[in-house]
Amino acid sequence: MATKIVVTVGDVALEGELLDTRCGKALSALLPLESAFSVWGDEFYFMVPLDCPLDDTATTHVSVGDIGFWPPGPALAIFFGPTPMSTGSEPVPASEVNIVGRLFGGATKLRSEKKAGLISITKA
């Protein structure tokens, strides 16, 4: 069963879920998480202590609101709009990510919090 989460950045708190995949479950076991984050276009990413190889969810085709795990980091990425790799309005990761979750709506609100400095993910 998916794990319900709340992602908070600055004044924005968004509900979402972590998927019932090996990587999603491993991430869920680390909660709560709080970290400084980096910004890459309309993507927040931060290092997480996970060792998950690419799996059957691995893709470079992500949508606004997707939460991806990038094994080379190892980093968690939250997509809320175009990235430097994008040619349109959809985000494009630097390379394949495992889709580990999604935000239920309002992900574009994160654009106003690029200078917030900290992100937290907790179980709902």
PDB file of N, CA and C in Angstrom:
ATOM      1  N   MET A   1       0.839  -1.173   0.000  1.00  0.00           N
ATOM      2  CA  MET A   1       0.000   0.000   0.000  1.00  0.00           C
ATOM      3  C   MET A   1       0.891   1.247   0.000  1.00  0.00           C
ATOM      4  N   ALA A   2       0.512   2.253  -0.774  1.00  0.00           N
ATOM      5  CA  ALA A   2       1.268   3.496  -0.855  1.00  0.00           C
ATOM      6  C   ALA A   2       1.289   4.193   0.508  1.00  0.00           C
ATOM      7  N   THR A   3       2.360   4.931   0.762  1.00  0.00           N
ATOM      8  CA  THR A   3       2.509   5.691   1.998  1.00  0.00           C
ATOM      9  C   THR A   3       2.120   7.138   1.739  1.00  0.00           C
ATOM     10  N   LYS A   4       1.148   7.647   2.457  1.00  0.00           N
ATOM     11  CA  LYS A   4       0.737   9.049   2.333  1.00  0.00           C
ATOM     12  C   LYS A   4       1.796   9.929   2.989  1.00  0.00           C
ATOM     13  N   ILE A   5       2.137  11.033   2.307  1.00  0.00           N
ATOM     14  CA  ILE A   5       3.190  11.924   2.793  1.00  0.00           C
ATOM     15  C   ILE A   5       2.740  13.384   2.713  1.00  0.00           C
ATOM     16  N   VAL A   6       3.502  14.238   3.397  1.00  0.00           N
ATOM     17  CA  VAL A   6       3.378  15.683   3.262  1.00  0.00           C
ATOM     18  C   VAL A   6       4.778  16.218   2.970  1.00  0.00           C
ATOM     19  N   VAL A   7       4.902  16.963   1.873  1.00  0.00           N
ATOM     20  CA  VAL A   7       6.153  17.608   1.492  1.00  0.00           C
ATOM     21  C   VAL A   7       6.006  19.091   1.824  1.00  0.00           C
ATOM     22  N   THR A   8       6.928  19.605   2.638  1.00  0.00           N
ATOM     23  CA  THR A   8       6.862  21.004   3.052  1.00  0.00           C
ATOM     24  C   THR A   8       8.138  21.727   2.640  1.00  0.00           C
ATOM     25  N   VAL A   9       7.947  22.847   1.941  1.00  0.00           N
ATOM     26  CA  VAL A   9       9.049  23.721   1.547  1.00  0.00           C
ATOM     27  C   VAL A   9       8.591  25.148   1.837  1.00  0.00           C
ATOM     28  N   GLY A  10       9.268  25.808   2.768  1.00  0.00           N
ATOM     29  CA  GLY A  10       8.848  27.159   3.134  1.00  0.00           C
ATOM     30  C   GLY A  10       7.405  27.171   3.604  1.00  0.00           C
ATOM     31  N   ASP A  11       6.585  28.008   2.965  1.00  0.00           N
ATOM     32  CA  ASP A  11       5.175  28.143   3.339  1.00  0.00           C
ATOM     33  C   ASP A  11       4.248  27.195   2.585  1.00  0.00           C
ATOM     34  N   VAL A  12       4.811  26.318   1.764  1.00  0.00           N
ATOM     35  CA  VAL A  12       3.993  25.404   0.956  1.00  0.00           C
ATOM     36  C   VAL A  12       4.069  23.989   1.530  1.00  0.00           C
ATOM     37  N   ALA A  13       2.918  23.402   1.805  1.00  0.00           N
ATOM     38  CA  ALA A  13       2.823  22.004   2.253  1.00  0.00           C
ATOM     39  C   ALA A  13       1.895  21.282   1.281  1.00  0.00           C
ATOM     40  N   LEU A  14       2.385  20.203   0.677  1.00  0.00           N
ATOM     41  CA  LEU A  14       1.629  19.460  -0.327  1.00  0.00           C
ATOM     42  C   LEU A  14       1.510  17.997   0.068  1.00  0.00           C
ATOM     43  N   GLU A  15       0.327  17.447  -0.127  1.00  0.00           N
ATOM     44  CA  GLU A  15       0.112  16.029   0.145  1.00  0.00           C
ATOM     45  C   GLU A  15       0.505  15.212  -1.076  1.00  0.00           C
ATOM     46  N   GLY A  16       0.928  13.989  -0.800  1.00  0.00           N
ATOM     47  CA  GLY A  16       1.312  13.091  -1.877  1.00  0.00           C
ATOM     48  C   GLY A  16       1.397  11.676  -1.365  1.00  0.00           C
ATOM     49  N   GLU A  17       2.097  10.847  -2.134  1.00  0.00           N
ATOM     50  CA  GLU A  17       2.274   9.455  -1.734  1.00  0.00           C
ATOM     51  C   GLU A  17       3.596   8.927  -2.254  1.00  0.00           C
ATOM     52  N   LEU A  18       4.130   7.952  -1.518  1.00  0.00           N
ATOM     53  CA  LEU A  18       5.262   7.160  -1.978  1.00  0.00           C
ATOM     54  C   LEU A  18       4.704   5.824  -2.421  1.00  0.00           C
ATOM     55  N   LEU A  19       5.157   5.363  -3.569  1.00  0.00           N
ATOM     56  CA  LEU A  19       4.610   4.145  -4.160  1.00  0.00           C
ATOM     57  C   LEU A  19       5.063   2.889  -3.424  1.00  0.00           C
ATOM     58  N   ASP A  20       4.322   1.840  -3.638  1.00  0.00           N
ATOM     59  CA  ASP A  20       4.583   0.545  -3.016  1.00  0.00           C
ATOM     60  C   ASP A  20       5.563  -0.257  -3.875  1.00  0.00           C
ATOM     61  N   THR A  21       6.738   0.347  -4.125  1.00  0.00           N
ATOM     62  CA  THR A  21       7.809  -0.320  -4.859  1.00  0.00           C
ATOM     63  C   THR A  21       8.961  -0.529  -3.885  1.00  0.00           C
ATOM     64  N   ARG A  22       9.946  -1.315  -4.275  1.00  0.00           N
ATOM     65  CA  ARG A  22      11.100  -1.548  -3.400  1.00  0.00           C
ATOM     66  C   ARG A  22      11.741  -0.223  -2.998  1.00  0.00           C
ATOM     67  N   CYS A  23      11.974   0.633  -3.978  1.00  0.00           N
ATOM     68  CA  CYS A  23      12.622   1.918  -3.716  1.00  0.00           C
ATOM     69  C   CYS A  23      11.694   2.853  -2.926  1.00  0.00           C
ATOM     70  N   GLY A  24      10.418   2.862  -3.251  1.00  0.00           N
ATOM     71  CA  GLY A  24       9.449   3.683  -2.523  1.00  0.00           C
ATOM     72  C   GLY A  24       9.351   3.277  -1.064  1.00  0.00           C
ATOM     73  N   LYS A  25       9.349   1.960  -0.815  1.00  0.00           N
ATOM     74  CA  LYS A  25       9.290   1.460   0.570  1.00  0.00           C
ATOM     75  C   LYS A  25      10.565   1.811   1.335  1.00  0.00           C
ATOM     76  N   ALA A  26      11.722   1.708   0.660  1.00  0.00           N
ATOM     77  CA  ALA A  26      12.989   2.045   1.314  1.00  0.00           C
ATOM     78  C   ALA A  26      13.014   3.527   1.688  1.00  0.00           C
ATOM     79  N   LEU A  27      12.487   4.368   0.819  1.00  0.00           N
ATOM     80  CA  LEU A  27      12.414   5.796   1.119  1.00  0.00           C
ATOM     81  C   LEU A  27      11.450   6.055   2.271  1.00  0.00           C
ATOM     82  N   SER A  28      10.316   5.386   2.262  1.00  0.00           N
ATOM     83  CA  SER A  28       9.323   5.532   3.329  1.00  0.00           C
ATOM     84  C   SER A  28       9.924   5.193   4.694  1.00  0.00           C
ATOM     85  N   ALA A  29      10.806   4.188   4.722  1.00  0.00           N
ATOM     86  CA  ALA A  29      11.435   3.771   5.978  1.00  0.00           C
ATOM     87  C   ALA A  29      12.367   4.849   6.539  1.00  0.00           C
ATOM     88  N   LEU A  30      12.806   5.786   5.703  1.00  0.00           N
ATOM     89  CA  LEU A  30      13.700   6.858   6.149  1.00  0.00           C
ATOM     90  C   LEU A  30      12.953   8.056   6.741  1.00  0.00           C
ATOM     91  N   LEU A  31      11.637   8.093   6.556  1.00  0.00           N
ATOM     92  CA  LEU A  31      10.866   9.264   6.995  1.00  0.00           C
ATOM     93  C   LEU A  31      10.808   9.359   8.516  1.00  0.00           C
ATOM     94  N   PRO A  32      10.803  10.558   9.066  1.00  0.00           N
ATOM     95  CA  PRO A  32      10.773  11.853   8.380  1.00  0.00           C
ATOM     96  C   PRO A  32      12.160  12.269   7.889  1.00  0.00           C
ATOM     97  N   LEU A  33      12.187  13.021   6.797  1.00  0.00           N
ATOM     98  CA  LEU A  33      13.421  13.553   6.230  1.00  0.00           C
ATOM     99  C   LEU A  33      13.365  15.074   6.245  1.00  0.00           C
ATOM    100  N   GLU A  34      14.495  15.700   6.525  1.00  0.00           N
ATOM    101  CA  GLU A  34      14.624  17.145   6.356  1.00  0.00           C
ATOM    102  C   GLU A  34      16.006  17.394   5.792  1.00  0.00           C
ATOM    103  N   SER A  35      16.094  18.246   4.772  1.00  0.00           N
ATOM    104  CA  SER A  35      17.371  18.449   4.107  1.00  0.00           C
ATOM    105  C   SER A  35      17.419  19.812   3.432  1.00  0.00           C
ATOM    106  N   ALA A  36      18.633  20.324   3.287  1.00  0.00           N
ATOM    107  CA  ALA A  36      18.849  21.434   2.370  1.00  0.00           C
ATOM    108  C   ALA A  36      18.660  20.861   0.970  1.00  0.00           C
ATOM    109  N   PHE A  37      18.268  21.692   0.027  1.00  0.00           N
ATOM    110  CA  PHE A  37      18.051  21.198  -1.330  1.00  0.00           C
ATOM    111  C   PHE A  37      18.733  22.100  -2.346  1.00  0.00           C
ATOM    112  N   SER A  38      18.951  21.543  -3.527  1.00  0.00           N
ATOM    113  CA  SER A  38      19.457  22.293  -4.672  1.00  0.00           C
ATOM    114  C   SER A  38      18.308  22.490  -5.646  1.00  0.00           C
ATOM    115  N   VAL A  39      18.453  23.496  -6.505  1.00  0.00           N
ATOM    116  CA  VAL A  39      17.420  23.824  -7.487  1.00  0.00           C
ATOM    117  C   VAL A  39      18.005  23.645  -8.879  1.00  0.00           C
ATOM    118  N   TRP A  40      17.275  22.935  -9.745  1.00  0.00           N
ATOM    119  CA  TRP A  40      17.680  22.746 -11.142  1.00  0.00           C
ATOM    120  C   TRP A  40      16.451  23.046 -11.993  1.00  0.00           C
ATOM    121  N   GLY A  41      16.336  24.290 -12.448  1.00  0.00           N
ATOM    122  CA  GLY A  41      15.104  24.693 -13.122  1.00  0.00           C
ATOM    123  C   GLY A  41      13.959  24.600 -12.128  1.00  0.00           C
ATOM    124  N   ASP A  42      12.880  23.932 -12.532  1.00  0.00           N
ATOM    125  CA  ASP A  42      11.745  23.710 -11.629  1.00  0.00           C
ATOM    126  C   ASP A  42      11.803  22.291 -11.059  1.00  0.00           C
ATOM    127  N   GLU A  43      12.928  22.001 -10.445  1.00  0.00           N
ATOM    128  CA  GLU A  43      13.160  20.720  -9.760  1.00  0.00           C
ATOM    129  C   GLU A  43      13.941  21.012  -8.489  1.00  0.00           C
ATOM    130  N   PHE A  44      13.501  20.428  -7.386  1.00  0.00           N
ATOM    131  CA  PHE A  44      14.288  20.421  -6.159  1.00  0.00           C
ATOM    132  C   PHE A  44      14.906  19.037  -6.050  1.00  0.00           C
ATOM    133  N   TYR A  45      16.175  18.973  -5.652  1.00  0.00           N
ATOM    134  CA  TYR A  45      16.780  17.668  -5.399  1.00  0.00           C
ATOM    135  C   TYR A  45      17.697  17.758  -4.190  1.00  0.00           C
ATOM    136  N   PHE A  46      17.830  16.611  -3.526  1.00  0.00           N
ATOM    137  CA  PHE A  46      18.683  16.547  -2.346  1.00  0.00           C
ATOM    138  C   PHE A  46      19.130  15.105  -2.140  1.00  0.00           C
ATOM    139  N   MET A  47      20.292  14.967  -1.506  1.00  0.00           N
ATOM    140  CA  MET A  47      20.874  13.648  -1.285  1.00  0.00           C
ATOM    141  C   MET A  47      20.084  12.875  -0.232  1.00  0.00           C
ATOM    142  N   VAL A  48      19.944  11.576  -0.471  1.00  0.00           N
ATOM    143  CA  VAL A  48      19.296  10.678   0.488  1.00  0.00           C
ATOM    144  C   VAL A  48      20.144   9.417   0.617  1.00  0.00           C
ATOM    145  N   PRO A  49      20.200   8.822   1.814  1.00  0.00           N
ATOM    146  CA  PRO A  49      21.016   7.624   2.023  1.00  0.00           C
ATOM    147  C   PRO A  49      20.297   6.353   1.563  1.00  0.00           C
ATOM    148  N   LEU A  50      20.099   6.241   0.255  1.00  0.00           N
ATOM    149  CA  LEU A  50      19.424   5.073  -0.324  1.00  0.00           C
ATOM    150  C   LEU A  50      20.331   4.405  -1.334  1.00  0.00           C
ATOM    151  N   ASP A  51      20.222   3.103  -1.440  1.00  0.00           N
ATOM    152  CA  ASP A  51      20.952   2.357  -2.456  1.00  0.00           C
ATOM    153  C   ASP A  51      19.933   1.531  -3.232  1.00  0.00           C
ATOM    154  N   CYS A  52      19.317   2.149  -4.224  1.00  0.00           N
ATOM    155  CA  CYS A  52      18.326   1.469  -5.068  1.00  0.00           C
ATOM    156  C   CYS A  52      18.773   1.589  -6.516  1.00  0.00           C
ATOM    157  N   PRO A  53      18.959   0.475  -7.210  1.00  0.00           N
ATOM    158  CA  PRO A  53      19.293   0.559  -8.631  1.00  0.00           C
ATOM    159  C   PRO A  53      18.062   0.990  -9.431  1.00  0.00           C
ATOM    160  N   LEU A  54      18.280   1.326 -10.691  1.00  0.00           N
ATOM    161  CA  LEU A  54      17.140   1.608 -11.562  1.00  0.00           C
ATOM    162  C   LEU A  54      16.243   0.377 -11.601  1.00  0.00           C
ATOM    163  N   ASP A  55      14.926   0.612 -11.633  1.00  0.00           N
ATOM    164  CA  ASP A  55      13.964  -0.497 -11.640  1.00  0.00           C
ATOM    165  C   ASP A  55      12.971  -0.341 -12.787  1.00  0.00           C
ATOM    166  N   ASP A  56      11.854  -1.093 -12.757  1.00  0.00           N
ATOM    167  CA  ASP A  56      10.911  -1.026 -13.891  1.00  0.00           C
ATOM    168  C   ASP A  56      10.183   0.307 -13.981  1.00  0.00           C
ATOM    169  N   THR A  57      10.308   1.180 -12.985  1.00  0.00           N
ATOM    170  CA  THR A  57       9.691   2.510 -13.077  1.00  0.00           C
ATOM    171  C   THR A  57      10.648   3.531 -13.689  1.00  0.00           C
ATOM    172  N   ALA A  58      11.899   3.130 -13.947  1.00  0.00           N
ATOM    173  CA  ALA A  58      12.929   4.064 -14.413  1.00  0.00           C
ATOM    174  C   ALA A  58      12.532   4.699 -15.745  1.00  0.00           C
ATOM    175  N   THR A  59      12.695   6.025 -15.807  1.00  0.00           N
ATOM    176  CA  THR A  59      12.288   6.758 -17.001  1.00  0.00           C
ATOM    177  C   THR A  59      12.926   8.139 -17.025  1.00  0.00           C
ATOM    178  N   THR A  60      12.931   8.746 -18.204  1.00  0.00           N
ATOM    179  CA  THR A  60      13.266  10.163 -18.331  1.00  0.00           C
ATOM    180  C   THR A  60      11.999  10.958 -18.639  1.00  0.00           C
ATOM    181  N   HIS A  61      10.860  10.275 -18.711  1.00  0.00           N
ATOM    182  CA  HIS A  61       9.571  10.920 -18.995  1.00  0.00           C
ATOM    183  C   HIS A  61       8.813  11.097 -17.683  1.00  0.00           C
ATOM    184  N   VAL A  62       8.983  12.266 -17.085  1.00  0.00           N
ATOM    185  CA  VAL A  62       8.325  12.551 -15.812  1.00  0.00           C
ATOM    186  C   VAL A  62       7.298  13.659 -16.005  1.00  0.00           C
ATOM    187  N   SER A  63       6.425  13.802 -15.031  1.00  0.00           N
ATOM    188  CA  SER A  63       5.382  14.826 -15.069  1.00  0.00           C
ATOM    189  C   SER A  63       5.511  15.749 -13.868  1.00  0.00           C
ATOM    190  N   VAL A  64       4.902  16.922 -13.982  1.00  0.00           N
ATOM    191  CA  VAL A  64       4.836  17.842 -12.850  1.00  0.00           C
ATOM    192  C   VAL A  64       4.179  17.101 -11.682  1.00  0.00           C
ATOM    193  N   GLY A  65       4.823  17.144 -10.524  1.00  0.00           N
ATOM    194  CA  GLY A  65       4.318  16.459  -9.337  1.00  0.00           C
ATOM    195  C   GLY A  65       4.963  15.118  -9.067  1.00  0.00           C
ATOM    196  N   ASP A  66       5.705  14.572 -10.042  1.00  0.00           N
ATOM    197  CA  ASP A  66       6.379  13.292  -9.818  1.00  0.00           C
ATOM    198  C   ASP A  66       7.532  13.461  -8.831  1.00  0.00           C
ATOM    199  N   ILE A  67       7.786  12.402  -8.071  1.00  0.00           N
ATOM    200  CA  ILE A  67       8.933  12.323  -7.170  1.00  0.00           C
ATOM    201  C   ILE A  67       9.800  11.187  -7.692  1.00  0.00           C
ATOM    202  N   GLY A  68      11.055  11.499  -8.006  1.00  0.00           N
ATOM    203  CA  GLY A  68      11.942  10.498  -8.582  1.00  0.00           C
ATOM    204  C   GLY A  68      13.179  10.284  -7.731  1.00  0.00           C
ATOM    205  N   PHE A  69      13.702   9.060  -7.772  1.00  0.00           N
ATOM    206  CA  PHE A  69      14.970   8.746  -7.115  1.00  0.00           C
ATOM    207  C   PHE A  69      16.023   8.598  -8.200  1.00  0.00           C
ATOM    208  N   TRP A  70      17.120   9.337  -8.056  1.00  0.00           N
ATOM    209  CA  TRP A  70      18.213   9.338  -9.029  1.00  0.00           C
ATOM    210  C   TRP A  70      19.401   8.602  -8.416  1.00  0.00           C
ATOM    211  N   PRO A  71      19.629   7.328  -8.810  1.00  0.00           N
ATOM    212  CA  PRO A  71      20.679   6.517  -8.188  1.00  0.00           C
ATOM    213  C   PRO A  71      22.084   7.116  -8.191  1.00  0.00           C
ATOM    214  N   PRO A  72      22.537   7.823  -9.256  1.00  0.00           N
ATOM    215  CA  PRO A  72      23.902   8.353  -9.205  1.00  0.00           C
ATOM    216  C   PRO A  72      24.153   9.341  -8.073  1.00  0.00           C
ATOM    217  N   GLY A  73      23.107   9.992  -7.535  1.00  0.00           N
ATOM    218  CA  GLY A  73      23.279  11.001  -6.486  1.00  0.00           C
ATOM    219  C   GLY A  73      23.918  10.459  -5.213  1.00  0.00           C
ATOM    220  N   PRO A  74      23.307   9.564  -4.523  1.00  0.00           N
ATOM    221  CA  PRO A  74      21.888   9.217  -4.666  1.00  0.00           C
ATOM    222  C   PRO A  74      21.025  10.388  -4.184  1.00  0.00           C
ATOM    223  N   ALA A  75      20.048  10.758  -5.005  1.00  0.00           N
ATOM    224  CA  ALA A  75      19.257  11.945  -4.699  1.00  0.00           C
ATOM    225  C   ALA A  75      17.778  11.718  -4.973  1.00  0.00           C
ATOM    226  N   LEU A  76      16.970  12.471  -4.253  1.00  0.00           N
ATOM    227  CA  LEU A  76      15.535  12.496  -4.479  1.00  0.00           C
ATOM    228  C   LEU A  76      15.230  13.784  -5.228  1.00  0.00           C
ATOM    229  N   ALA A  77      14.391  13.698  -6.256  1.00  0.00           N
ATOM    230  CA  ALA A  77      14.038  14.858  -7.072  1.00  0.00           C
ATOM    231  C   ALA A  77      12.526  15.044  -7.064  1.00  0.00           C
ATOM    232  N   ILE A  78      12.110  16.293  -6.899  1.00  0.00           N
ATOM    233  CA  ILE A  78      10.692  16.634  -6.963  1.00  0.00           C
ATOM    234  C   ILE A  78      10.524  17.588  -8.135  1.00  0.00           C
ATOM    235  N   PHE A  79       9.697  17.181  -9.094  1.00  0.00           N
ATOM    236  CA  PHE A  79       9.531  17.917 -10.343  1.00  0.00           C
ATOM    237  C   PHE A  79       8.276  18.786 -10.290  1.00  0.00           C
ATOM    238  N   PHE A  80       8.444  20.100 -10.570  1.00  0.00           N
ATOM    239  CA  PHE A  80       7.290  20.998 -10.548  1.00  0.00           C
ATOM    240  C   PHE A  80       7.240  21.934 -11.748  1.00  0.00           C
ATOM    241  N   GLY A  81       7.986  21.603 -12.792  1.00  0.00           N
ATOM    242  CA  GLY A  81       7.966  22.388 -14.023  1.00  0.00           C
ATOM    243  C   GLY A  81       9.187  22.060 -14.863  1.00  0.00           C
ATOM    244  N   PRO A  82       9.437  22.860 -15.900  1.00  0.00           N
ATOM    245  CA  PRO A  82      10.552  22.583 -16.804  1.00  0.00           C
ATOM    246  C   PRO A  82      11.908  22.615 -16.098  1.00  0.00           C
ATOM    247  N   THR A  83      12.799  21.783 -16.576  1.00  0.00           N
ATOM    248  CA  THR A  83      14.184  21.747 -16.110  1.00  0.00           C
ATOM    249  C   THR A  83      15.075  22.209 -17.270  1.00  0.00           C
ATOM    250  N   PRO A  84      16.378  22.405 -17.037  1.00  0.00           N
ATOM    251  CA  PRO A  84      17.255  22.814 -18.137  1.00  0.00           C
ATOM    252  C   PRO A  84      17.267  21.840 -19.325  1.00  0.00           C
ATOM    253  N   MET A  85      16.866  20.588 -19.128  1.00  0.00           N
ATOM    254  CA  MET A  85      16.818  19.606 -20.223  1.00  0.00           C
ATOM    255  C   MET A  85      15.501  19.667 -21.003  1.00  0.00           C
ATOM    256  N   SER A  86      14.525  20.411 -20.513  1.00  0.00           N
ATOM    257  CA  SER A  86      13.195  20.451 -21.130  1.00  0.00           C
ATOM    258  C   SER A  86      13.208  21.220 -22.448  1.00  0.00           C
ATOM    259  N   THR A  87      12.355  20.766 -23.375  1.00  0.00           N
ATOM    260  CA  THR A  87      12.142  21.509 -24.615  1.00  0.00           C
ATOM    261  C   THR A  87      10.736  22.099 -24.643  1.00  0.00           C
ATOM    262  N   GLY A  88       9.934  21.756 -23.655  1.00  0.00           N
ATOM    263  CA  GLY A  88       8.570  22.268 -23.536  1.00  0.00           C
ATOM    264  C   GLY A  88       8.269  22.547 -22.082  1.00  0.00           C
ATOM    265  N   SER A  89       7.020  22.355 -21.700  1.00  0.00           N
ATOM    266  CA  SER A  89       6.606  22.680 -20.331  1.00  0.00           C
ATOM    267  C   SER A  89       6.780  21.531 -19.342  1.00  0.00           C
ATOM    268  N   GLU A  90       7.066  20.322 -19.839  1.00  0.00           N
ATOM    269  CA  GLU A  90       7.234  19.167 -18.951  1.00  0.00           C
ATOM    270  C   GLU A  90       8.669  19.083 -18.435  1.00  0.00           C
ATOM    271  N   PRO A  91       8.841  18.630 -17.195  1.00  0.00           N
ATOM    272  CA  PRO A  91      10.193  18.443 -16.667  1.00  0.00           C
ATOM    273  C   PRO A  91      10.889  17.268 -17.351  1.00  0.00           C
ATOM    274  N   VAL A  92      12.212  17.348 -17.417  1.00  0.00           N
ATOM    275  CA  VAL A  92      13.029  16.251 -17.933  1.00  0.00           C
ATOM    276  C   VAL A  92      14.212  16.099 -16.979  1.00  0.00           C
ATOM    277  N   PRO A  93      14.386  14.912 -16.375  1.00  0.00           N
ATOM    278  CA  PRO A  93      15.526  14.712 -15.472  1.00  0.00           C
ATOM    279  C   PRO A  93      16.841  14.625 -16.247  1.00  0.00           C
ATOM    280  N   ALA A  94      17.951  14.783 -15.538  1.00  0.00           N
ATOM    281  CA  ALA A  94      19.274  14.711 -16.157  1.00  0.00           C
ATOM    282  C   ALA A  94      19.523  13.339 -16.777  1.00  0.00           C
ATOM    283  N   SER A  95      19.015  12.297 -16.141  1.00  0.00           N
ATOM    284  CA  SER A  95      19.057  10.929 -16.663  1.00  0.00           C
ATOM    285  C   SER A  95      17.926  10.168 -15.970  1.00  0.00           C
ATOM    286  N   GLU A  96      17.826   8.878 -16.240  1.00  0.00           N
ATOM    287  CA  GLU A  96      16.693   8.109 -15.723  1.00  0.00           C
ATOM    288  C   GLU A  96      16.572   8.186 -14.201  1.00  0.00           C
ATOM    289  N   VAL A  97      15.321   8.260 -13.754  1.00  0.00           N
ATOM    290  CA  VAL A  97      14.995   8.212 -12.328  1.00  0.00           C
ATOM    291  C   VAL A  97      13.968   7.112 -12.106  1.00  0.00           C
ATOM    292  N   ASN A  98      13.997   6.522 -10.919  1.00  0.00           N
ATOM    293  CA  ASN A  98      12.910   5.631 -10.499  1.00  0.00           C
ATOM    294  C   ASN A  98      11.776   6.519 -10.016  1.00  0.00           C
ATOM    295  N   ILE A  99      10.578   6.295 -10.499  1.00  0.00           N
ATOM    296  CA  ILE A  99       9.427   7.033  -9.983  1.00  0.00           C
ATOM    297  C   ILE A  99       9.062   6.391  -8.645  1.00  0.00           C
ATOM    298  N   VAL A 100       9.203   7.165  -7.567  1.00  0.00           N
ATOM    299  CA  VAL A 100       8.946   6.630  -6.225  1.00  0.00           C
ATOM    300  C   VAL A 100       7.705   7.227  -5.590  1.00  0.00           C
ATOM    301  N   GLY A 101       7.141   8.260  -6.213  1.00  0.00           N
ATOM    302  CA  GLY A 101       5.951   8.872  -5.643  1.00  0.00           C
ATOM    303  C   GLY A 101       5.434  10.004  -6.488  1.00  0.00           C
ATOM    304  N   ARG A 102       4.425  10.692  -5.920  1.00  0.00           N
ATOM    305  CA  ARG A 102       3.832  11.832  -6.624  1.00  0.00           C
ATOM    306  C   ARG A 102       3.155  12.745  -5.614  1.00  0.00           C
ATOM    307  N   LEU A 103       3.073  14.002  -5.999  1.00  0.00           N
ATOM    308  CA  LEU A 103       2.290  14.970  -5.233  1.00  0.00           C
ATOM    309  C   LEU A 103       0.891  14.978  -5.818  1.00  0.00           C
ATOM    310  N   PHE A 104      -0.122  15.161  -4.983  1.00  0.00           N
ATOM    311  CA  PHE A 104      -1.507  15.077  -5.445  1.00  0.00           C
ATOM    312  C   PHE A 104      -1.992  16.319  -6.170  1.00  0.00           C
ATOM    313  N   GLY A 105      -1.284  17.398  -6.121  1.00  0.00           N
ATOM    314  CA  GLY A 105      -1.707  18.616  -6.810  1.00  0.00           C
ATOM    315  C   GLY A 105      -0.972  19.812  -6.258  1.00  0.00           C
ATOM    316  N   GLY A 106      -0.962  20.878  -7.025  1.00  0.00           N
ATOM    317  CA  GLY A 106      -0.363  22.122  -6.562  1.00  0.00           C
ATOM    318  C   GLY A 106       1.147  22.173  -6.596  1.00  0.00           C
ATOM    319  N   ALA A 107       1.791  21.225  -7.300  1.00  0.00           N
ATOM    320  CA  ALA A 107       3.252  21.182  -7.310  1.00  0.00           C
ATOM    321  C   ALA A 107       3.869  22.483  -7.819  1.00  0.00           C
ATOM    322  N   THR A 108       3.190  23.178  -8.733  1.00  0.00           N
ATOM    323  CA  THR A 108       3.752  24.423  -9.264  1.00  0.00           C
ATOM    324  C   THR A 108       3.880  25.500  -8.187  1.00  0.00           C
ATOM    325  N   LYS A 109       3.189  25.342  -7.058  1.00  0.00           N
ATOM    326  CA  LYS A 109       3.329  26.299  -5.943  1.00  0.00           C
ATOM    327  C   LYS A 109       4.760  26.315  -5.409  1.00  0.00           C
ATOM    328  N   LEU A 110       5.511  25.243  -5.654  1.00  0.00           N
ATOM    329  CA  LEU A 110       6.886  25.167  -5.164  1.00  0.00           C
ATOM    330  C   LEU A 110       7.779  26.212  -5.822  1.00  0.00           C
ATOM    331  N   ARG A 111       7.378  26.739  -6.982  1.00  0.00           N
ATOM    332  CA  ARG A 111       8.182  27.771  -7.652  1.00  0.00           C
ATOM    333  C   ARG A 111       8.440  28.971  -6.743  1.00  0.00           C
ATOM    334  N   SER A 112       7.506  29.260  -5.853  1.00  0.00           N
ATOM    335  CA  SER A 112       7.648  30.429  -4.971  1.00  0.00           C
ATOM    336  C   SER A 112       8.583  30.160  -3.795  1.00  0.00           C
ATOM    337  N   GLU A 113       9.072  28.930  -3.671  1.00  0.00           N
ATOM    338  CA  GLU A 113       9.871  28.558  -2.494  1.00  0.00           C
ATOM    339  C   GLU A 113      11.312  28.160  -2.837  1.00  0.00           C
ATOM    340  N   LYS A 114      11.815  28.594  -3.995  1.00  0.00           N
ATOM    341  CA  LYS A 114      13.163  28.199  -4.418  1.00  0.00           C
ATOM    342  C   LYS A 114      14.262  28.677  -3.474  1.00  0.00           C
ATOM    343  N   LYS A 115      13.987  29.709  -2.697  1.00  0.00           N
ATOM    344  CA  LYS A 115      14.993  30.226  -1.756  1.00  0.00           C
ATOM    345  C   LYS A 115      14.726  29.785  -0.317  1.00  0.00           C
ATOM    346  N   ALA A 116      13.789  28.879  -0.126  1.00  0.00           N
ATOM    347  CA  ALA A 116      13.405  28.449   1.230  1.00  0.00           C
ATOM    348  C   ALA A 116      14.540  27.750   1.964  1.00  0.00           C
ATOM    349  N   GLY A 117      15.372  27.018   1.229  1.00  0.00           N
ATOM    350  CA  GLY A 117      16.534  26.394   1.851  1.00  0.00           C
ATOM    351  C   GLY A 117      16.349  24.987   2.366  1.00  0.00           C
ATOM    352  N   LEU A 118      15.194  24.677   2.974  1.00  0.00           N
ATOM    353  CA  LEU A 118      14.977  23.345   3.542  1.00  0.00           C
ATOM    354  C   LEU A 118      13.706  22.720   2.994  1.00  0.00           C
ATOM    355  N   ILE A 119      13.748  21.412   2.862  1.00  0.00           N
ATOM    356  CA  ILE A 119      12.580  20.629   2.470  1.00  0.00           C
ATOM    357  C   ILE A 119      12.380  19.555   3.524  1.00  0.00           C
ATOM    358  N   SER A 120      11.134  19.245   3.823  1.00  0.00           N
ATOM    359  CA  SER A 120      10.865  18.122   4.725  1.00  0.00           C
ATOM    360  C   SER A 120       9.806  17.225   4.100  1.00  0.00           C
ATOM    361  N   ILE A 121       9.957  15.947   4.357  1.00  0.00           N
ATOM    362  CA  ILE A 121       8.975  14.954   3.922  1.00  0.00           C
ATOM    363  C   ILE A 121       8.626  14.129   5.149  1.00  0.00           C
ATOM    364  N   THR A 122       7.348  14.111   5.480  1.00  0.00           N
ATOM    365  CA  THR A 122       6.868  13.366   6.642  1.00  0.00           C
ATOM    366  C   THR A 122       5.722  12.461   6.227  1.00  0.00           C
ATOM    367  N   LYS A 123       5.457  11.443   7.034  1.00  0.00           N
ATOM    368  CA  LYS A 123       4.266  10.628   6.807  1.00  0.00           C
ATOM    369  C   LYS A 123       3.051  11.456   7.197  1.00  0.00           C
ATOM    370  N   ALA A 124       1.981  11.332   6.411  1.00  0.00           N
ATOM    371  CA  ALA A 124       0.757  12.106   6.685  1.00  0.00           C
ATOM    372  C   ALA A 124      -0.009  11.485   7.832  1.00  0.00           C
TER     373      ALA A 124
END
